[in-house]
C-alpha atoms as a PDB file:
ATOM      1  CA  UNK A   1      28.091   0.373  11.985  1.00  0.00           C
ATOM      2  CA  UNK A   2      26.923   1.068  15.552  1.00  0.00           C
ATOM      3  CA  UNK A   3      23.607   0.318  16.881  1.00  0.00           C
ATOM      4  CA  UNK A   4      22.698   4.068  17.425  1.00  0.00           C
ATOM      5  CA  UNK A   5      23.423   4.527  13.834  1.00  0.00           C
ATOM      6  CA  UNK A   6      21.346   1.707  12.587  1.00  0.00           C
ATOM      7  CA  UNK A   7      18.429   2.829  15.097  1.00  0.00           C
ATOM      8  CA  UNK A   8      18.471   6.090  13.614  1.00  0.00           C
ATOM      9  CA  UNK A   9      18.567   4.974  10.025  1.00  0.00           C
ATOM     10  CA  UNK A  10      15.307   2.308  11.168  1.00  0.00           C
ATOM     11  CA  UNK A  11      13.709   5.469  12.387  1.00  0.00           C
ATOM     12  CA  UNK A  12      13.947   7.620   9.495  1.00  0.00           C
ATOM     13  CA  UNK A  13      13.001   4.570   7.158  1.00  0.00           C
ATOM     14  CA  UNK A  14       9.993   4.135   9.314  1.00  0.00           C
ATOM     15  CA  UNK A  15       8.888   7.704   9.045  1.00  0.00           C
ATOM     16  CA  UNK A  16       9.419   8.021   5.536  1.00  0.00           C
ATOM     17  CA  UNK A  17       7.467   4.877   4.850  1.00  0.00           C
ATOM     18  CA  UNK A  18       4.663   6.298   7.411  1.00  0.00           C
ATOM     19  CA  UNK A  19       4.532   9.522   5.226  1.00  0.00           C
ATOM     20  CA  UNK A  20       3.908   7.315   1.991  1.00  0.00           C
ATOM     21  CA  UNK A  21       1.388   5.386   3.376  1.00  0.00           C
ATOM     22  CA  UNK A  22      -0.278   7.784   5.268  1.00  0.00           C
ATOM     23  CA  UNK A  23      -0.509  10.081   2.353  1.00  0.00           C
ATOM     24  CA  UNK A  24      -1.455   7.178   0.159  1.00  0.00           C
ATOM     25  CA  UNK A  25      -4.616   6.462   2.740  1.00  0.00           C
ATOM     26  CA  UNK A  26      -5.437  10.023   2.554  1.00  0.00           C
ATOM     27  CA  UNK A  27      -5.845  10.273  -1.120  1.00  0.00           C
ATOM     28  CA  UNK A  28      -8.126   7.191  -1.103  1.00  0.00           C
ATOM     29  CA  UNK A  29     -10.998   9.723   0.338  1.00  0.00           C
ATOM     30  CA  UNK A  30     -10.704  11.965  -2.934  1.00  0.00           C
ATOM     31  CA  UNK A  31     -13.865  11.082  -5.163  1.00  0.00           C
ATOM     32  CA  UNK A  32     -11.779  11.251  -8.688  1.00  0.00           C
ATOM     33  CA  UNK A  33      -9.180   8.730  -6.990  1.00  0.00           C
ATOM     34  CA  UNK A  34     -11.822   6.628  -5.460  1.00  0.00           C
ATOM     35  CA  UNK A  35     -13.310   6.365  -9.234  1.00  0.00           C
ATOM     36  CA  UNK A  36     -10.094   5.262 -10.611  1.00  0.00           C
ATOM     37  CA  UNK A  37      -8.941   2.913  -7.614  1.00  0.00           C
ATOM     38  CA  UNK A  38     -12.563   1.414  -7.688  1.00  0.00           C
ATOM     39  CA  UNK A  39     -12.255   0.915 -11.602  1.00  0.00           C
ATOM     40  CA  UNK A  40      -8.846  -1.209 -10.919  1.00  0.00           C
ATOM     41  CA  UNK A  41     -10.292  -3.889  -8.762  1.00  0.00           C
ATOM     42  CA  UNK A  42     -10.338  -7.019 -10.642  1.00  0.00           C
ATOM     43  CA  UNK A  43     -14.217  -7.771 -12.280  1.00  0.00           C
ATOM     44  CA  UNK A  44     -14.141 -11.180 -10.558  1.00  0.00           C
ATOM     45  CA  UNK A  45     -13.740  -9.409  -7.064  1.00  0.00           C
ATOM     46  CA  UNK A  46     -16.265  -6.595  -7.703  1.00  0.00           C
ATOM     47  CA  UNK A  47     -18.855  -9.504  -9.050  1.00  0.00           C
ATOM     48  CA  UNK A  48     -18.218 -11.569  -5.637  1.00  0.00           C
ATOM     49  CA  UNK A  49     -21.522 -10.274  -4.521  1.00  0.00           C
ATOM     50  CA  UNK A  50     -19.645  -9.313  -0.660  1.00  0.00           C
ATOM     51  CA  UNK A  51     -17.865  -6.480  -1.884  1.00  0.00           C
ATOM     52  CA  UNK A  52     -18.477  -2.800  -3.231  1.00  0.00           C
ATOM     53  CA  UNK A  53     -15.355  -1.144  -4.983  1.00  0.00           C
ATOM     54  CA  UNK A  54     -15.707   2.341  -3.462  1.00  0.00           C
ATOM     55  CA  UNK A  55     -16.078   0.227   0.249  1.00  0.00           C
ATOM     56  CA  UNK A  56     -12.947  -1.223  -1.050  1.00  0.00           C
ATOM     57  CA  UNK A  57     -11.115   1.539  -1.593  1.00  0.00           C
ATOM     58  CA  UNK A  58     -12.109   3.495   1.278  1.00  0.00           C
ATOM     59  CA  UNK A  59     -11.101   0.356   3.595  1.00  0.00           C
ATOM     60  CA  UNK A  60      -7.738   0.173   2.121  1.00  0.00           C
ATOM     61  CA  UNK A  61      -7.254   3.996   2.521  1.00  0.00           C
ATOM     62  CA  UNK A  62      -8.048   3.191   6.484  1.00  0.00           C
ATOM     63  CA  UNK A  63      -5.735   0.286   6.059  1.00  0.00           C
ATOM     64  CA  UNK A  64      -2.757   2.469   4.992  1.00  0.00           C
ATOM     65  CA  UNK A  65      -3.708   5.141   7.554  1.00  0.00           C
ATOM     66  CA  UNK A  66      -3.498   2.543   9.997  1.00  0.00           C
ATOM     67  CA  UNK A  67      -0.560   0.820   8.875  1.00  0.00           C
ATOM     68  CA  UNK A  68       1.155   4.363   8.278  1.00  0.00           C
ATOM     69  CA  UNK A  69       0.765   5.355  12.254  1.00  0.00           C
ATOM     70  CA  UNK A  70       1.337   2.055  13.303  1.00  0.00           C
ATOM     71  CA  UNK A  71       4.996   2.332  11.885  1.00  0.00           C
ATOM     72  CA  UNK A  72       5.493   5.364  14.332  1.00  0.00           C
ATOM     73  CA  UNK A  73       4.189   3.991  17.739  1.00  0.00           C
ATOM     74  CA  UNK A  74       6.531   1.645  18.611  1.00  0.00           C
ATOM     75  CA  UNK A  75       4.360  -0.845  20.598  1.00  0.00           C
ATOM     76  CA  UNK A  76       2.371  -1.801  17.284  1.00  0.00           C
ATOM     77  CA  UNK A  77       5.226  -1.158  14.600  1.00  0.00           C
ATOM     78  CA  UNK A  78       5.670  -4.616  14.242  1.00  0.00           C
ATOM     79  CA  UNK A  79       2.027  -5.398  13.843  1.00  0.00           C
ATOM     80  CA  UNK A  80       1.503  -2.345  11.556  1.00  0.00           C
ATOM     81  CA  UNK A  81       4.927  -3.761   9.398  1.00  0.00           C
ATOM     82  CA  UNK A  82       3.422  -7.304   9.132  1.00  0.00           C
ATOM     83  CA  UNK A  83       0.090  -5.898   8.245  1.00  0.00           C
ATOM     84  CA  UNK A  84       1.480  -3.649   5.660  1.00  0.00           C
ATOM     85  CA  UNK A  85       3.401  -6.246   3.894  1.00  0.00           C
ATOM     86  CA  UNK A  86       0.395  -8.414   3.940  1.00  0.00           C
ATOM     87  CA  UNK A  87      -1.858  -5.230   2.711  1.00  0.00           C
ATOM     88  CA  UNK A  88       1.037  -4.718  -0.142  1.00  0.00           C
ATOM     89  CA  UNK A  89       0.126  -8.486  -1.364  1.00  0.00           C
ATOM     90  CA  UNK A  90      -3.525  -8.132  -1.218  1.00  0.00           C
ATOM     91  CA  UNK A  91      -3.654  -5.102  -3.378  1.00  0.00           C
ATOM     92  CA  UNK A  92      -1.506  -6.432  -5.951  1.00  0.00           C
ATOM     93  CA  UNK A  93      -4.358  -7.724  -8.106  1.00  0.00           C
ATOM     94  CA  UNK A  94      -5.743  -4.557  -8.700  1.00  0.00           C
ATOM     95  CA  UNK A  95      -1.944  -3.069  -9.410  1.00  0.00           C
ATOM     96  CA  UNK A  96      -2.033  -6.055 -12.110  1.00  0.00           C
ATOM     97  CA  UNK A  97      -5.190  -5.708 -13.457  1.00  0.00           C
ATOM     98  CA  UNK A  98      -4.505  -2.239 -14.362  1.00  0.00           C
ATOM     99  CA  UNK A  99      -1.423  -3.006 -15.842  1.00  0.00           C
ATOM    100  CA  UNK A 100      -3.246  -5.314 -17.922  1.00  0.00           C
ATOM    101  CA  UNK A 101      -5.452  -2.452 -19.140  1.00  0.00           C
ATOM    102  CA  UNK A 102      -2.844   0.490 -20.273  1.00  0.00           C
ATOM    103  CA  UNK A 103      -5.728   2.038 -22.474  1.00  0.00           C
ATOM    104  CA  UNK A 104      -8.004   2.443 -19.736  1.00  0.00           C
ATOM    105  CA  UNK A 105      -6.072   3.359 -16.774  1.00  0.00           C
ATOM    106  CA  UNK A 106      -2.991   5.159 -18.503  1.00  0.00           C
ATOM    107  CA  UNK A 107       0.129   6.163 -16.511  1.00  0.00           C
ATOM    108  CA  UNK A 108      -1.136   4.869 -13.470  1.00  0.00           C
ATOM    109  CA  UNK A 109      -1.059   1.296 -15.218  1.00  0.00           C
ATOM    110  CA  UNK A 110       2.407   0.563 -14.314  1.00  0.00           C
ATOM    111  CA  UNK A 111       3.795  -2.507 -16.424  1.00  0.00           C
ATOM    112  CA  UNK A 112       3.573  -6.184 -14.360  1.00  0.00           C
ATOM    113  CA  UNK A 113       7.077  -6.752 -13.706  1.00  0.00           C
ATOM    114  CA  UNK A 114       8.206  -3.135 -12.661  1.00  0.00           C
ATOM    115  CA  UNK A 115       5.484  -3.011 -10.433  1.00  0.00           C
ATOM    116  CA  UNK A 116       5.988  -6.169  -8.734  1.00  0.00           C
ATOM    117  CA  UNK A 117       9.444  -5.358  -8.168  1.00  0.00           C
ATOM    118  CA  UNK A 118       8.392  -2.061  -6.785  1.00  0.00           C
ATOM    119  CA  UNK A 119       6.056  -3.717  -4.547  1.00  0.00           C
ATOM    120  CA  UNK A 120       8.591  -6.363  -3.475  1.00  0.00           C
ATOM    121  CA  UNK A 121      11.277  -3.645  -2.531  1.00  0.00           C
ATOM    122  CA  UNK A 122       8.720  -1.808  -0.797  1.00  0.00           C
ATOM    123  CA  UNK A 123       7.746  -4.770   1.429  1.00  0.00           C
ATOM    124  CA  UNK A 124      11.354  -5.657   1.900  1.00  0.00           C
ATOM    125  CA  UNK A 125      11.993  -1.814   3.366  1.00  0.00           C
ATOM    126  CA  UNK A 126       8.952  -2.365   5.537  1.00  0.00           C
ATOM    127  CA  UNK A 127      10.752  -5.275   7.335  1.00  0.00           C
ATOM    128  CA  UNK A 128      14.078  -3.814   7.239  1.00  0.00           C
ATOM    129  CA  UNK A 129      12.605  -0.617   9.261  1.00  0.00           C
ATOM    130  CA  UNK A 130      11.346  -3.067  12.079  1.00  0.00           C
ATOM    131  CA  UNK A 131      13.932  -5.356  12.457  1.00  0.00           C
END
């Protein structure tokens, strides 16, 4: 495969990933989504004293927006990709908490193993999009 084709595929993947992260970042600012996401933060993080669940949700929304836009701007795409991979690792405990509390979170409580696999695949796609 020629380098032009590979470059084109990587660009397409970066655009798709950017749209996903920008969209996810935007929904963090909807009040109903904020309440649900704040509830997903594991209790030990909520009671750490230095965290406010709603502020964490807003912060993660900003991280997703910055990462998504960063993937679209060549001078920042490597930094953005690295930050998004770390971000996905950092938010995984909230997803794991939700997975353990299916009755409380309903359909957003994706079972642990499929969620872990999806998270790892997403991390790999981010890396592939920028290398």
